[in-house]
Protein backbone atom coordinates (compact mmCIF):
# COMPACT_ATOMS: atom_id res chain seq x y z
CA MET A 1 0.00 0.00 0.00
CA ILE A 2 1.22 3.49 -0.82
CA ASN A 3 1.38 5.76 2.23
CA GLY A 4 2.09 9.45 2.79
CA ASP A 5 5.83 8.93 3.06
CA ASP A 6 5.78 7.17 -0.33
CA LEU A 7 3.82 10.01 -1.92
CA LYS A 8 6.26 12.56 -0.53
CA ALA A 9 9.29 10.55 -1.65
CA MET A 10 7.91 10.22 -5.20
CA ARG A 11 7.13 13.93 -5.36
CA ASN A 12 10.56 14.90 -4.06
CA GLN A 13 12.32 12.49 -6.43
CA ALA A 14 10.47 14.11 -9.33
CA GLY A 15 11.54 17.58 -8.15
CA ILE A 16 7.99 18.80 -7.69
CA THR A 17 6.96 21.13 -4.87
CA GLN A 18 3.77 20.65 -2.87
CA ALA A 19 2.34 23.77 -4.52
CA GLN A 20 3.15 22.44 -7.99
CA MET A 21 1.57 19.07 -7.19
CA ALA A 22 -1.52 20.81 -5.85
CA SER A 23 -1.80 22.79 -9.07
CA LYS A 24 -1.39 19.68 -11.23
CA LEU A 25 -4.05 17.81 -9.20
CA SER A 26 -6.38 20.84 -9.06
CA CYS A 27 -6.48 20.96 -5.28
CA ASP A 28 -4.87 23.12 -2.61
CA ARG A 29 -1.50 22.67 -1.00
CA LYS A 30 -3.12 21.75 2.34
CA THR A 31 -4.62 18.68 0.64
CA ILE A 32 -1.16 17.59 -0.53
CA ILE A 33 0.21 18.15 2.97
CA ASN A 34 -2.58 16.02 4.43
CA TYR A 35 -1.92 13.21 1.93
CA GLU A 36 1.77 13.23 2.80
CA LEU A 37 1.05 13.27 6.54
CA GLY A 38 -1.38 10.39 6.18
CA VAL A 39 -4.30 12.51 7.36
CA GLY A 40 -6.15 11.90 4.11
CA GLU A 41 -5.78 9.66 1.08
CA PRO A 42 -6.04 10.61 -2.56
CA LYS A 43 -8.91 9.14 -4.53
CA MET A 44 -7.98 6.51 -7.11
CA GLY A 45 -7.91 9.00 -9.99
CA GLN A 46 -5.72 11.43 -8.10
CA LEU A 47 -3.37 8.64 -7.05
CA PHE A 48 -2.87 7.57 -10.67
CA LYS A 49 -2.32 11.19 -11.70
CA TRP A 50 0.24 11.53 -8.88
CA LEU A 51 2.10 8.48 -10.18
CA VAL A 52 2.07 9.75 -13.76
CA ILE A 53 3.16 13.26 -12.71
CA CYS A 54 6.06 11.72 -10.78
CA ARG A 55 6.98 9.63 -13.83
CA ILE A 56 6.23 6.30 -12.14
CA ASP A 57 5.67 3.47 -14.64
CA VAL A 58 2.08 2.32 -14.11
CA LYS A 59 2.11 -0.04 -17.11
CA PRO A 60 2.89 -3.19 -15.05
CA LEU A 61 -0.03 -2.43 -12.75
CA THR A 62 -2.50 -1.66 -15.51
CA SER A 63 -1.34 -4.74 -17.44
CA GLN A 64 -1.94 -6.94 -14.41
CA ILE A 65 -5.40 -5.43 -13.93
CA SER A 66 -6.23 -6.08 -17.59
CA LYS A 67 -5.18 -9.72 -17.25
CA ILE A 68 -7.42 -10.15 -14.21
CA ARG A 69 -10.34 -8.51 -16.01
CA ASP A 70 -9.81 -10.67 -19.11
CA LYS A 71 -9.68 -13.83 -16.99
CA LEU A 72 -12.93 -12.90 -15.25
CA ASN A 73 -14.62 -12.12 -18.59
CA CYS A 74 -13.62 -15.56 -19.92
CA GLU A 75 -15.12 -17.27 -16.88
CA GLU A 76 -18.52 -15.63 -17.37
């Protein structure tokens, strides 16, 4: 599971400030602070945007999800 420390580390590694991340996610800086402190959690869409903004490769995850979905569709 991704926690606030992970979010902060990814953001810092990408060289993005909290204010910049807030702007990219269309929220305020306080929201980013809360995510990084573990006070709140980003919704699924915001989490994926965070990963993409920080240049994290999400292809393995989305590929695995597609395989699971395809397997379930074949069983129906």
